[in-house]
Amino acid sequence: GESEWNANKTFTGWADPSLSEQGIRETEHAARLLLAGGYDIDVVFTSRLKRAIRSTWIILGEMHQQYLPVFKSWRLNERMYGKLTGLCKKDTAEKLGAELVQAWRGSLKSRPPPVAVSDYYWPGRERRYSDLGFDEIPLTESLLDCMNRTEPIWEDKIKWELRRGRNVMVVAHANTLRGLVKLIDEIGDDEIQEVALPTGIPVVYKFDKSMKPIRPTGDKYLSQKHIN
């Protein structure tokens, strides 16, 4: 769901604003879509950012499944925007040039300037990341860096649950979810830039025994189903 900073066009990344009122409504709607589709969940993975955690709480509450196990991983955090974190997107584009800022935002391999460890938005001082080494906390990330960060949790955790026949729900952020889609559908580096995921709309995958995604009936191209 939309965060308070998304609503006012602020670079968010690893900063920790809560959901906006619109984001709460989007998340409630997503839960009702899952209920209407008859989906049961066995285990949940989310990030360590409260907008994703609160989205998880809302969905599980609407589905009366608050008892389910929820695993919170930094690998599902949104892209680290470095020194752009907390800045207004419009003002930054006017100050530094729209072309440069758009390259940082949209280019696959371009990284914004890194955040300094003395900066307010450097997350290394936060207790939630006390289990991470200094080198594990990014100072900045490209889109590709962010998407690659999701691979270990997909390979080591999520696939492990799926192989045991469990229904897994992942509640995360636009770029880490795109990272999972890239892995699941084996999408190339260039092609993934054209993939956009709708906010508040569940995306459903089904897998065969070899963990290959099963295409929905009647769809020749997508292996994912958007519930709407």
Protein backbone atom coordinates (compact mmCIF):
# COMPACT_ATOMS: atom_id res chain seq x y z
CA GLY A 1 0.00 0.00 0.00
CA GLU A 2 0.94 3.63 -0.45
CA SER A 3 3.11 5.15 2.30
CA GLU A 4 2.88 8.68 3.67
CA TRP A 5 6.05 9.60 1.78
CA ASN A 6 4.79 8.06 -1.46
CA ALA A 7 1.78 10.33 -1.13
CA ASN A 8 3.89 13.49 -0.97
CA LYS A 9 6.48 12.36 -3.58
CA THR A 10 9.43 11.87 -1.24
CA PHE A 11 12.30 9.43 -1.84
CA THR A 12 11.66 6.74 0.76
CA GLY A 13 13.86 3.65 0.44
CA TRP A 14 14.92 2.35 3.87
CA ALA A 15 13.30 5.29 5.71
CA ASP A 16 10.32 4.17 7.75
CA PRO A 17 7.12 6.19 7.24
CA SER A 18 3.84 4.43 7.86
CA LEU A 19 1.00 3.73 5.44
CA SER A 20 -1.11 6.63 4.22
CA GLU A 21 -4.89 6.45 4.54
CA GLN A 22 -4.94 5.52 0.86
CA GLY A 23 -2.39 2.78 1.55
CA ILE A 24 -4.55 1.35 4.33
CA ARG A 25 -7.55 1.21 1.99
CA GLU A 26 -5.44 -0.41 -0.75
CA THR A 27 -4.24 -3.09 1.66
CA GLU A 28 -7.74 -3.81 2.96
CA HIS A 29 -8.89 -4.16 -0.64
CA ALA A 30 -6.05 -6.59 -1.39
CA ALA A 31 -7.10 -8.75 1.57
CA ARG A 32 -10.70 -8.85 0.36
CA LEU A 33 -9.53 -9.89 -3.10
CA LEU A 34 -7.60 -12.78 -1.57
CA LEU A 35 -10.63 -13.79 0.47
CA ALA A 36 -12.91 -13.61 -2.55
CA GLY A 37 -10.45 -15.76 -4.50
CA GLY A 38 -10.51 -18.44 -1.81
CA TYR A 39 -6.78 -18.25 -1.12
CA ASP A 40 -5.39 -19.70 2.11
CA ILE A 41 -2.00 -18.61 3.43
CA ASP A 42 0.40 -20.72 5.49
CA VAL A 43 3.39 -18.43 6.02
CA VAL A 44 4.27 -14.79 5.35
CA PHE A 45 7.51 -13.03 4.43
CA THR A 46 7.81 -9.27 4.68
CA SER A 47 10.44 -6.56 5.09
CA ARG A 48 11.60 -4.82 8.27
CA LEU A 49 9.88 -1.57 7.31
CA LYS A 50 6.67 -0.75 9.11
CA ARG A 51 4.65 0.10 6.01
CA ALA A 52 5.10 -3.51 4.85
CA ILE A 53 4.69 -4.94 8.36
CA ARG A 54 1.50 -2.96 8.90
CA SER A 55 0.23 -4.10 5.50
CA THR A 56 0.83 -7.67 6.66
CA TRP A 57 -1.12 -7.07 9.86
CA ILE A 58 -4.04 -5.58 7.94
CA ILE A 59 -4.20 -8.43 5.45
CA LEU A 60 -3.99 -11.14 8.09
CA GLY A 61 -6.57 -9.29 10.21
CA GLU A 62 -9.04 -9.04 7.35
CA MET A 63 -8.51 -12.74 6.64
CA HIS A 64 -8.78 -13.69 10.35
CA GLN A 65 -5.35 -15.33 10.18
CA GLN A 66 -3.34 -13.24 12.63
CA TYR A 67 -1.84 -16.45 14.08
CA LEU A 68 0.23 -17.22 10.99
CA PRO A 69 4.05 -17.08 11.20
CA VAL A 70 5.55 -13.89 9.76
CA PHE A 71 9.26 -13.63 8.89
CA LYS A 72 10.76 -10.15 8.51
CA SER A 73 13.85 -9.85 6.34
CA TRP A 74 16.00 -6.86 5.39
CA ARG A 75 16.42 -8.53 2.00
CA LEU A 76 12.83 -7.52 1.22
CA ASN A 77 13.38 -3.85 2.18
CA GLU A 78 12.81 -1.31 -0.56
CA ARG A 79 15.71 -0.04 -2.65
CA MET A 80 18.24 2.07 -0.73
CA TYR A 81 18.14 5.53 -2.30
CA GLY A 82 21.28 6.75 -0.56
CA LYS A 83 21.59 10.50 -0.17
CA LEU A 84 18.25 11.01 -1.95
CA THR A 85 16.38 9.54 1.04
CA GLY A 86 14.01 12.08 2.55
CA LEU A 87 14.26 14.53 -0.39
CA CYS A 88 11.30 15.77 -2.41
CA LYS A 89 11.42 14.21 -5.88
CA LYS A 90 10.22 17.36 -7.64
CA ASP A 91 12.56 19.73 -5.80
CA THR A 92 15.52 17.41 -6.36
CA ALA A 93 14.80 17.23 -10.09
CA GLU A 94 14.62 21.03 -10.29
CA LYS A 95 17.87 21.44 -8.35
CA LEU A 96 20.01 18.72 -9.94
CA GLY A 97 18.31 18.29 -13.30
CA ALA A 98 15.41 16.05 -14.26
CA GLU A 99 17.54 13.90 -16.57
CA LEU A 100 20.07 13.01 -13.85
CA VAL A 101 17.40 12.28 -11.24
CA GLN A 102 15.41 10.17 -13.69
CA ALA A 103 18.57 8.18 -14.48
CA TRP A 104 19.02 7.45 -10.78
CA ARG A 105 15.38 6.43 -10.47
CA GLY A 106 14.88 4.46 -13.65
CA SER A 107 18.23 3.21 -14.91
CA LEU A 108 18.97 -0.40 -14.06
CA LYS A 109 22.59 0.10 -12.93
CA SER A 110 22.84 3.77 -11.97
CA ARG A 111 23.30 4.43 -8.24
CA PRO A 112 22.40 7.68 -6.43
CA PRO A 113 25.09 9.26 -4.23
CA PRO A 114 25.69 7.10 -1.14
CA VAL A 115 24.37 8.08 2.26
CA ALA A 116 27.08 8.88 4.82
CA VAL A 117 27.24 6.83 8.01
CA SER A 118 26.84 10.11 9.92
CA ASP A 119 23.63 10.92 8.04
CA TYR A 120 20.27 10.81 9.83
CA TYR A 121 18.94 8.25 7.33
CA TRP A 122 21.82 5.78 7.57
CA PRO A 123 20.04 2.70 8.98
CA GLY A 124 23.09 1.13 10.66
CA ARG A 125 22.28 2.67 14.05
CA GLU A 126 18.83 1.09 14.20
CA ARG A 127 18.22 -1.89 16.44
CA ARG A 128 16.27 -3.71 13.72
CA TYR A 129 19.52 -4.12 11.75
CA SER A 130 21.77 -5.04 14.70
CA ASP A 131 22.17 -8.57 13.30
CA LEU A 132 23.73 -7.26 10.07
CA GLY A 133 27.38 -6.61 9.41
CA PHE A 134 28.49 -3.16 8.30
CA ASP A 135 29.04 -4.36 4.72
CA GLU A 136 25.54 -5.82 4.51
CA ILE A 137 23.81 -2.47 4.99
CA PRO A 138 23.80 -0.69 1.62
CA LEU A 139 24.79 2.97 1.40
CA THR A 140 23.12 3.22 -2.00
CA GLU A 141 21.69 0.78 -4.55
CA SER A 142 20.89 0.60 -8.21
CA LEU A 143 17.66 -1.10 -9.24
CA LEU A 144 19.70 -4.17 -10.13
CA ASP A 145 21.46 -4.18 -6.74
CA CYS A 146 18.09 -4.10 -5.02
CA MET A 147 16.60 -6.87 -7.11
CA ASN A 148 19.67 -9.07 -6.68
CA ARG A 149 19.41 -8.61 -2.91
CA THR A 150 16.20 -10.68 -2.92
CA GLU A 151 17.80 -13.78 -4.44
CA PRO A 152 19.09 -15.42 -1.21
CA ILE A 153 15.70 -15.20 0.54
CA TRP A 154 14.01 -16.65 -2.55
CA GLU A 155 16.47 -19.50 -2.89
CA ASP A 156 16.97 -20.33 0.81
CA LYS A 157 13.64 -19.50 2.47
CA ILE A 158 10.66 -18.94 0.19
CA LYS A 159 11.36 -21.87 -2.16
CA TRP A 160 11.93 -24.11 0.88
CA GLU A 161 8.40 -23.36 2.06
CA LEU A 162 6.89 -23.76 -1.39
CA ARG A 163 8.54 -27.15 -1.89
CA ARG A 164 6.75 -28.35 1.24
CA GLY A 165 3.41 -27.47 -0.29
CA ARG A 166 2.84 -24.31 1.71
CA ASN A 167 1.11 -21.23 0.39
CA VAL A 168 3.49 -18.31 0.82
CA MET A 169 2.51 -14.64 0.90
CA VAL A 170 5.20 -12.00 0.35
CA VAL A 171 4.37 -8.44 1.43
CA ALA A 172 7.17 -6.16 0.31
CA HIS A 173 7.97 -3.17 -1.92
CA ALA A 174 7.88 -2.39 -5.62
CA ASN A 175 11.53 -3.04 -6.42
CA THR A 176 12.11 -6.10 -4.22
CA LEU A 177 8.91 -7.64 -5.58
CA ARG A 178 10.19 -6.96 -9.08
CA GLY A 179 13.36 -8.76 -8.04
CA LEU A 180 11.34 -11.85 -7.14
CA VAL A 181 9.40 -11.65 -10.41
CA LYS A 182 12.72 -11.42 -12.27
CA LEU A 183 13.94 -14.61 -10.59
CA ILE A 184 10.70 -16.57 -10.91
CA ASP A 185 10.02 -15.72 -14.55
CA GLU A 186 13.72 -15.66 -15.52
CA ILE A 187 13.38 -12.16 -16.97
CA GLY A 188 16.47 -10.49 -18.42
CA ASP A 189 18.11 -7.36 -17.02
CA ASP A 190 16.79 -5.15 -19.80
CA GLU A 191 13.28 -6.62 -19.89
CA ILE A 192 12.67 -6.24 -16.14
CA GLN A 193 12.79 -2.45 -16.53
CA GLU A 194 9.49 -2.70 -18.41
CA VAL A 195 7.77 -4.68 -15.63
CA ALA A 196 5.53 -2.73 -13.26
CA LEU A 197 3.52 -4.21 -10.41
CA PRO A 198 0.20 -2.62 -9.42
CA THR A 199 -0.09 -1.30 -5.85
CA GLY A 200 -2.61 -3.12 -3.70
CA ILE A 201 -3.35 -5.83 -6.28
CA PRO A 202 -2.28 -9.36 -5.28
CA VAL A 203 -0.15 -11.22 -7.80
CA VAL A 204 -0.51 -15.00 -7.63
CA TYR A 205 1.95 -17.62 -8.81
CA LYS A 206 1.47 -21.38 -8.90
CA PHE A 207 4.41 -23.76 -9.31
CA ASP A 208 4.94 -27.28 -10.57
CA LYS A 209 7.02 -29.89 -8.73
CA SER A 210 10.23 -28.57 -10.27
CA MET A 211 9.43 -25.06 -9.01
CA LYS A 212 8.67 -23.71 -12.46
CA PRO A 213 5.77 -21.23 -12.58
CA ILE A 214 2.56 -22.57 -14.11
CA ARG A 215 0.95 -20.27 -16.64
CA PRO A 216 -2.69 -19.36 -15.90
CA THR A 217 -5.18 -21.05 -18.22
CA GLY A 218 -5.64 -19.14 -21.44
CA ASP A 219 -2.58 -16.90 -20.98
CA LYS A 220 0.29 -17.58 -23.34
CA TYR A 221 2.74 -15.12 -21.84
CA LEU A 222 2.34 -14.38 -18.12
CA SER A 223 2.99 -16.94 -15.41
CA GLN A 224 1.40 -14.66 -12.82
CA LYS A 225 -2.24 -13.90 -12.19
CA HIS A 226 -3.36 -10.44 -11.10
CA ILE A 227 -6.50 -10.57 -8.95
CA ASN A 228 -8.85 -7.66 -9.58
